[in-house]
């Protein structure tokens, strides 16, 4: 392999390891936080199309949402999204 190709692959490897973006957000309501909690994960490798409030309420059997924590971590080609819903 020539020096140019080796340099290209090294730069591509470093770029894929170093490009990380983290987003973290909270949504608060006037309802009490409650004792029920559900955690839903999503990555762009999965067949699902993201996480939704409706999906979390349905899986966690939650009638009133108190707190929603949403975290997104994005790498060069990979994204992972996590939603934590707490409520009654």
N, C-alpha and C. Protein backbone atom coordinates (compact mmCIF):
# COMPACT_ATOMS: atom_id res chain seq x y z
N UNK A 1 0.83 -1.18 0.00
CA UNK A 1 0.00 0.00 0.00
C UNK A 1 0.88 1.25 0.00
N UNK A 2 0.44 2.23 -0.65
CA UNK A 2 1.21 3.46 -0.70
C UNK A 2 0.97 4.28 0.57
N UNK A 3 1.82 5.25 0.75
CA UNK A 3 1.75 6.12 1.92
C UNK A 3 0.43 6.89 1.95
N UNK A 4 -0.08 7.29 0.80
CA UNK A 4 -1.33 8.06 0.74
C UNK A 4 -2.50 7.22 1.24
N UNK A 5 -2.59 5.97 0.82
CA UNK A 5 -3.69 5.11 1.26
C UNK A 5 -3.61 4.82 2.75
N UNK A 6 -2.40 4.57 3.25
CA UNK A 6 -2.23 4.33 4.68
C UNK A 6 -2.66 5.57 5.48
N UNK A 7 -2.25 6.72 5.02
CA UNK A 7 -2.63 7.96 5.69
C UNK A 7 -4.14 8.18 5.66
N UNK A 8 -4.76 7.86 4.53
CA UNK A 8 -6.21 8.01 4.40
C UNK A 8 -6.94 7.13 5.41
N UNK A 9 -6.55 5.86 5.53
CA UNK A 9 -7.22 4.96 6.46
C UNK A 9 -6.95 5.33 7.92
N UNK A 10 -5.76 5.82 8.22
CA UNK A 10 -5.47 6.26 9.58
C UNK A 10 -6.33 7.48 9.92
N UNK A 11 -6.43 8.43 9.02
CA UNK A 11 -7.26 9.61 9.25
C UNK A 11 -8.73 9.25 9.39
N UNK A 12 -9.22 8.34 8.57
CA UNK A 12 -10.61 7.89 8.66
C UNK A 12 -10.88 7.20 10.00
N UNK A 13 -9.95 6.38 10.45
CA UNK A 13 -10.09 5.72 11.74
C UNK A 13 -10.11 6.71 12.89
N UNK A 14 -9.22 7.69 12.87
CA UNK A 14 -9.20 8.70 13.92
C UNK A 14 -10.45 9.56 13.90
N UNK A 15 -10.94 9.88 12.73
CA UNK A 15 -12.16 10.67 12.60
C UNK A 15 -13.35 9.93 13.17
N UNK A 16 -13.46 8.64 12.91
CA UNK A 16 -14.60 7.88 13.40
C UNK A 16 -14.57 7.71 14.92
N UNK A 17 -13.40 7.73 15.52
CA UNK A 17 -13.30 7.60 16.97
C UNK A 17 -13.48 8.93 17.69
N UNK A 18 -13.19 10.01 17.04
CA UNK A 18 -13.18 11.28 17.73
C UNK A 18 -14.44 12.11 17.55
N UNK A 19 -15.35 11.74 16.70
CA UNK A 19 -16.54 12.56 16.46
C UNK A 19 -17.70 12.06 17.30
N UNK A 20 -17.78 12.53 18.52
CA UNK A 20 -18.84 12.12 19.45
C UNK A 20 -19.63 13.34 19.88
N UNK A 21 -20.94 13.27 19.77
CA UNK A 21 -21.82 14.35 20.20
C UNK A 21 -22.80 13.78 21.21
N UNK A 22 -22.92 14.44 22.36
CA UNK A 22 -23.83 13.98 23.40
C UNK A 22 -24.86 15.07 23.65
N UNK A 23 -26.12 14.67 23.61
CA UNK A 23 -27.22 15.58 23.91
C UNK A 23 -28.02 14.98 25.05
N UNK A 24 -28.31 15.79 26.05
CA UNK A 24 -29.03 15.31 27.22
C UNK A 24 -30.10 16.34 27.57
N UNK A 25 -31.34 15.92 27.66
CA UNK A 25 -32.41 16.86 27.96
C UNK A 25 -33.41 16.26 28.94
N UNK A 26 -34.09 17.14 29.67
CA UNK A 26 -35.11 16.74 30.63
C UNK A 26 -36.41 17.46 30.31
N UNK A 27 -37.52 16.78 30.54
CA UNK A 27 -38.84 17.39 30.43
C UNK A 27 -39.54 17.14 31.76
N UNK A 28 -39.93 18.21 32.43
CA UNK A 28 -40.61 18.12 33.71
C UNK A 28 -42.07 18.51 33.55
N UNK A 29 -42.94 17.85 34.30
CA UNK A 29 -44.35 18.21 34.32
C UNK A 29 -44.75 18.56 35.76
N UNK A 30 -45.98 18.96 35.97
CA UNK A 30 -46.47 19.26 37.32
C UNK A 30 -46.88 18.00 38.06
N UNK A 31 -46.84 16.86 37.43
CA UNK A 31 -47.20 15.60 38.08
C UNK A 31 -46.04 15.13 38.96
N UNK A 32 -46.34 14.34 40.00
CA UNK A 32 -45.27 13.79 40.82
C UNK A 32 -44.41 12.82 40.00
N UNK A 33 -43.14 12.69 40.39
CA UNK A 33 -42.23 11.82 39.64
C UNK A 33 -42.69 10.38 39.69
N UNK A 34 -43.16 9.92 40.82
CA UNK A 34 -43.74 8.59 40.92
C UNK A 34 -42.72 7.49 41.10
N UNK A 35 -43.23 6.26 41.17
CA UNK A 35 -42.38 5.11 41.46
C UNK A 35 -42.10 4.25 40.24
N UNK A 36 -42.84 4.45 39.15
CA UNK A 36 -42.64 3.64 37.95
C UNK A 36 -41.57 4.27 37.06
N UNK A 37 -40.78 3.41 36.44
CA UNK A 37 -39.73 3.88 35.54
C UNK A 37 -39.58 2.90 34.39
N UNK A 38 -39.42 3.43 33.19
CA UNK A 38 -39.19 2.59 32.00
C UNK A 38 -38.02 3.20 31.23
N UNK A 39 -37.12 2.36 30.76
CA UNK A 39 -35.97 2.79 29.97
C UNK A 39 -36.10 2.16 28.59
N UNK A 40 -36.05 3.00 27.55
CA UNK A 40 -36.14 2.52 26.17
C UNK A 40 -34.88 2.96 25.44
N UNK A 41 -34.22 2.01 24.78
CA UNK A 41 -33.01 2.30 23.99
C UNK A 41 -33.31 2.16 22.52
N UNK A 42 -32.58 2.93 21.73
CA UNK A 42 -32.69 2.86 20.27
C UNK A 42 -31.32 3.15 19.69
N UNK A 43 -30.94 2.38 18.70
CA UNK A 43 -29.73 2.71 17.93
C UNK A 43 -30.10 2.63 16.45
N UNK A 44 -29.34 3.30 15.61
CA UNK A 44 -29.68 3.31 14.19
C UNK A 44 -29.46 1.96 13.53
N UNK A 45 -28.93 0.99 14.28
CA UNK A 45 -28.77 -0.37 13.76
C UNK A 45 -30.08 -1.14 13.92
N UNK A 46 -30.89 -0.75 14.93
CA UNK A 46 -32.17 -1.43 15.18
C UNK A 46 -33.14 -1.17 14.03
N UNK A 47 -34.21 -1.97 14.02
CA UNK A 47 -35.23 -1.79 12.98
C UNK A 47 -36.29 -0.78 13.39
N UNK A 48 -36.34 -0.40 14.68
CA UNK A 48 -37.31 0.59 15.14
C UNK A 48 -36.93 1.96 14.60
N UNK A 49 -37.84 2.88 14.66
CA UNK A 49 -37.61 4.22 14.14
C UNK A 49 -37.53 5.25 15.25
N UNK A 50 -36.85 4.95 16.33
CA UNK A 50 -36.71 5.91 17.42
C UNK A 50 -37.58 5.54 18.60
N UNK A 51 -37.50 6.36 19.63
CA UNK A 51 -38.30 6.13 20.82
C UNK A 51 -39.31 7.26 20.94
N UNK A 52 -40.49 6.92 21.44
CA UNK A 52 -41.56 7.91 21.55
C UNK A 52 -42.16 7.85 22.96
N UNK A 53 -42.84 8.92 23.34
CA UNK A 53 -43.52 8.96 24.63
C UNK A 53 -44.60 7.89 24.70
N UNK A 54 -45.35 7.73 23.62
CA UNK A 54 -46.43 6.75 23.59
C UNK A 54 -45.88 5.34 23.81
N UNK A 55 -44.77 5.03 23.19
CA UNK A 55 -44.15 3.72 23.33
C UNK A 55 -43.72 3.49 24.79
N UNK A 56 -43.15 4.51 25.43
CA UNK A 56 -42.70 4.39 26.81
C UNK A 56 -43.88 4.22 27.77
N UNK A 57 -44.93 5.01 27.56
CA UNK A 57 -46.12 4.91 28.42
C UNK A 57 -46.76 3.54 28.30
N UNK A 58 -46.83 3.04 27.10
CA UNK A 58 -47.45 1.74 26.86
C UNK A 58 -46.64 0.61 27.49
N UNK A 59 -45.33 0.63 27.32
CA UNK A 59 -44.49 -0.45 27.87
C UNK A 59 -44.37 -0.38 29.39
N UNK A 60 -44.36 0.83 29.95
CA UNK A 60 -44.19 0.99 31.39
C UNK A 60 -45.48 1.04 32.18
N UNK A 61 -46.61 0.98 31.50
CA UNK A 61 -47.92 1.05 32.15
C UNK A 61 -48.00 2.31 33.03
N UNK A 62 -47.62 3.45 32.45
CA UNK A 62 -47.61 4.73 33.15
C UNK A 62 -48.80 5.56 32.68
N UNK A 63 -49.57 6.09 33.66
CA UNK A 63 -50.73 6.90 33.29
C UNK A 63 -50.43 8.40 33.34
N UNK A 64 -49.54 8.84 34.24
CA UNK A 64 -49.16 10.25 34.36
C UNK A 64 -47.64 10.37 34.32
N UNK A 65 -47.13 11.13 33.37
CA UNK A 65 -45.69 11.31 33.24
C UNK A 65 -45.24 12.40 34.19
N UNK A 66 -44.17 12.12 34.96
CA UNK A 66 -43.62 13.11 35.86
C UNK A 66 -42.30 13.69 35.37
N UNK A 67 -41.46 12.85 34.79
CA UNK A 67 -40.14 13.28 34.34
C UNK A 67 -39.72 12.44 33.14
N UNK A 68 -39.17 13.09 32.13
CA UNK A 68 -38.65 12.39 30.96
C UNK A 68 -37.20 12.82 30.77
N UNK A 69 -36.32 11.85 30.69
CA UNK A 69 -34.90 12.11 30.47
C UNK A 69 -34.53 11.49 29.12
N UNK A 70 -34.00 12.30 28.24
CA UNK A 70 -33.67 11.82 26.89
C UNK A 70 -32.19 12.09 26.63
N UNK A 71 -31.47 11.05 26.22
CA UNK A 71 -30.02 11.17 25.99
C UNK A 71 -29.70 10.61 24.61
N UNK A 72 -28.94 11.37 23.83
CA UNK A 72 -28.54 10.95 22.49
C UNK A 72 -27.02 11.04 22.40
N UNK A 73 -26.40 9.94 21.96
CA UNK A 73 -24.96 9.90 21.74
C UNK A 73 -24.75 9.55 20.27
N UNK A 74 -24.03 10.42 19.56
CA UNK A 74 -23.79 10.22 18.13
C UNK A 74 -22.30 10.10 17.87
N UNK A 75 -21.92 9.03 17.24
CA UNK A 75 -20.57 8.84 16.76
C UNK A 75 -20.58 9.09 15.27
N UNK A 76 -19.50 8.77 14.59
CA UNK A 76 -19.37 9.09 13.17
C UNK A 76 -20.50 8.46 12.34
N UNK A 77 -20.75 7.16 12.49
CA UNK A 77 -21.80 6.47 11.73
C UNK A 77 -22.86 5.85 12.62
N UNK A 78 -22.79 6.02 13.92
CA UNK A 78 -23.62 5.28 14.86
C UNK A 78 -24.29 6.26 15.82
N UNK A 79 -25.58 6.06 16.09
CA UNK A 79 -26.33 6.89 17.02
C UNK A 79 -27.06 6.00 18.01
N UNK A 80 -27.00 6.35 19.29
CA UNK A 80 -27.75 5.63 20.31
C UNK A 80 -28.59 6.65 21.07
N UNK A 81 -29.88 6.35 21.19
CA UNK A 81 -30.83 7.23 21.88
C UNK A 81 -31.46 6.46 23.03
N UNK A 82 -31.51 7.08 24.19
CA UNK A 82 -32.09 6.46 25.39
C UNK A 82 -33.12 7.41 25.98
N UNK A 83 -34.28 6.87 26.33
CA UNK A 83 -35.32 7.66 26.97
C UNK A 83 -35.71 6.97 28.29
N UNK A 84 -35.69 7.74 29.37
CA UNK A 84 -36.12 7.25 30.67
C UNK A 84 -37.36 8.04 31.05
N UNK A 85 -38.46 7.34 31.28
CA UNK A 85 -39.73 7.98 31.65
C UNK A 85 -40.09 7.53 33.06
N UNK A 86 -40.37 8.51 33.93
CA UNK A 86 -40.77 8.22 35.29
C UNK A 86 -42.16 8.83 35.52
N UNK A 87 -42.98 8.10 36.26
CA UNK A 87 -44.33 8.60 36.52
C UNK A 87 -45.14 7.66 37.36
N UNK A 88 -46.42 7.90 37.39
CA UNK A 88 -47.39 7.09 38.16
C UNK A 88 -48.09 6.12 37.26
